[in-house]
Each structure stands twice: as C-alpha cells, then as structure tokens.
Amino acid sequence: MWQLATIEAMEGQAEAQAIAAWVKETCGVTIAQPQRVESFTHQTTHRTIEFVLWRARARRRKRDSDAAVWRKLDEVDDLPMSNPQRRAITMLKGSSKEMKK
C-alpha cells in the first residue's frame, strides 16, 4: 500500500527543523519551512494513532527512485492506500485550497 512520507515519532526535537532534516536525509528532498496543517486520531482494534499533518514546498528533489515516487495530491486517487492515508490527503487538499485564498 502507498502512503505519504511518514515519520513515526520525533520526541524532544524542534519539529519543523527535524522534519526538514528527515525529509532531506530519507527522501533526498530539500524543502522550505514545513508548516503544521492539522491532526487527527485513528483508532485500530488495539491502538490509537495520532496523525499530525505537515506541508512544505520542495525546493529541490531527486528523481523518483526505488525508495520514493512523487505525485501531486490530485494524482494519487488510483493508488491503493489505507483509510487514514486517504483522510490525510483529503485534509491536505483542503489546506491547499485555504493557502491559495
């Protein structure tokens, strides 16, 4: 299944700087200052998972590789994804419209 770039936990770090460093190291993408968008909780049968959504513009990125394939939010509907990933994409699309106003 496909998913957005995901960090499982970043306890004790300055979030925006830690996200930018993680994205560069893991995905090979240099991003502008990440901005927190929204959060939501997803309940499974045995866990409660908190999702915190961030967005940033890519300043420079490597071409697609085995580790990552980059698509615009409007170009992911054909990919198999979990319900929380779909919810996150819907929220990010909404925040994108708000940012353009």
Protein backbone atom coordinates (compact mmCIF):
# COMPACT_ATOMS: atom_id res chain seq x y z
CA MET A 1 0.00 0.00 0.00
CA TRP A 2 1.13 3.54 -0.73
CA GLN A 3 1.47 6.29 1.85
CA LEU A 4 2.65 9.83 2.34
CA ALA A 5 6.19 10.32 3.64
CA THR A 6 5.77 9.29 7.27
CA ILE A 7 7.81 9.79 10.43
CA GLU A 8 6.69 7.60 13.33
CA ALA A 9 7.89 9.80 16.22
CA MET A 10 10.05 12.86 16.84
CA GLU A 11 10.02 13.28 20.60
CA GLY A 12 12.17 16.03 22.04
CA GLN A 13 13.10 17.71 18.76
CA ALA A 14 12.18 21.07 17.26
CA GLU A 15 9.51 19.72 14.92
CA ALA A 16 9.88 21.85 11.78
CA GLN A 17 13.67 21.56 11.70
CA ALA A 18 13.54 17.83 12.46
CA ILE A 19 11.04 17.26 9.65
CA ALA A 20 13.15 19.19 7.14
CA ALA A 21 16.27 17.23 8.14
CA TRP A 22 14.41 13.88 7.99
CA VAL A 23 12.96 14.61 4.54
CA LYS A 24 16.36 15.59 3.18
CA GLU A 25 18.13 12.57 4.68
CA THR A 26 15.45 9.96 3.95
CA CYS A 27 13.87 11.20 0.73
CA GLY A 28 16.66 13.30 -0.78
CA VAL A 29 14.38 16.33 -0.94
CA THR A 30 15.22 19.82 0.29
CA ILE A 31 12.04 21.52 1.50
CA ALA A 32 11.04 25.02 2.50
CA GLN A 33 9.95 25.63 6.10
CA PRO A 34 7.36 22.93 6.96
CA GLN A 35 4.05 24.19 8.30
CA ARG A 36 1.78 22.18 10.57
CA VAL A 37 -1.62 21.77 8.92
CA GLU A 38 -3.86 19.64 11.08
CA SER A 39 -4.02 16.48 13.16
CA PHE A 40 -6.44 13.61 13.67
CA THR A 41 -6.68 10.37 15.61
CA HIS A 42 -7.24 6.96 14.05
CA GLN A 43 -8.39 4.02 16.15
CA THR A 44 -7.48 0.44 15.26
CA THR A 45 -8.63 -2.59 17.22
CA HIS A 46 -5.68 -2.34 19.60
CA ARG A 47 -4.03 1.07 19.09
CA THR A 48 -4.81 4.74 18.95
CA ILE A 49 -2.66 6.53 16.37
CA GLU A 50 -2.28 10.30 16.21
CA PHE A 51 -1.51 11.72 12.78
CA VAL A 52 0.00 15.20 12.55
CA LEU A 53 0.00 16.62 9.03
CA TRP A 54 2.66 18.99 7.75
CA ARG A 55 3.16 20.53 4.34
CA ALA A 56 6.10 22.19 2.65
CA ARG A 57 7.21 23.08 -0.84
CA ALA A 58 10.05 21.08 -2.33
CA ARG A 59 12.95 23.34 -3.25
CA ARG A 60 15.00 20.63 -4.86
CA ARG A 61 14.42 16.92 -5.24
CA LYS A 62 15.97 13.85 -6.70
CA ARG A 63 14.20 11.94 -9.40
CA ASP A 64 11.89 9.12 -8.39
CA SER A 65 13.78 6.14 -7.01
CA ASP A 66 13.01 2.74 -5.54
CA ALA A 67 12.51 4.46 -2.18
CA ALA A 68 10.11 7.20 -3.29
CA VAL A 69 7.75 8.15 -6.06
CA TRP A 70 6.46 11.71 -6.01
CA ARG A 71 2.98 12.65 -7.19
CA LYS A 72 0.79 15.69 -6.77
CA LEU A 73 -2.12 15.29 -4.34
CA ASP A 74 -4.55 15.35 -7.25
CA GLU A 75 -2.74 12.41 -8.87
CA VAL A 76 -2.99 9.74 -6.16
CA ASP A 77 -6.59 8.56 -6.36
CA ASP A 78 -5.60 5.44 -8.33
CA LEU A 79 -3.16 4.21 -5.66
CA PRO A 80 -4.11 1.63 -3.00
CA MET A 81 -3.98 3.36 0.41
CA SER A 82 -5.25 2.89 3.92
CA ASN A 83 -8.21 4.93 5.20
CA PRO A 84 -6.01 7.19 7.39
CA GLN A 85 -3.80 7.99 4.38
CA ARG A 86 -6.87 8.91 2.31
CA ARG A 87 -8.14 11.09 5.16
CA ALA A 88 -4.76 12.82 5.39
CA ILE A 89 -4.77 13.51 1.63
CA THR A 90 -8.29 14.95 1.82
CA MET A 91 -7.19 17.24 4.67
CA LEU A 92 -4.06 18.32 2.81
CA LYS A 93 -6.08 19.09 -0.33
CA GLY A 94 -8.39 21.26 1.80
CA SER A 95 -5.48 23.10 3.40
CA SER A 96 -4.00 23.69 -0.05
CA LYS A 97 -7.19 25.49 -1.12
CA GLU A 98 -7.12 27.57 2.08
CA MET A 99 -3.48 28.59 1.45
CA LYS A 100 -4.34 29.87 -2.04
CA LYS A 101 -7.03 32.27 -0.75
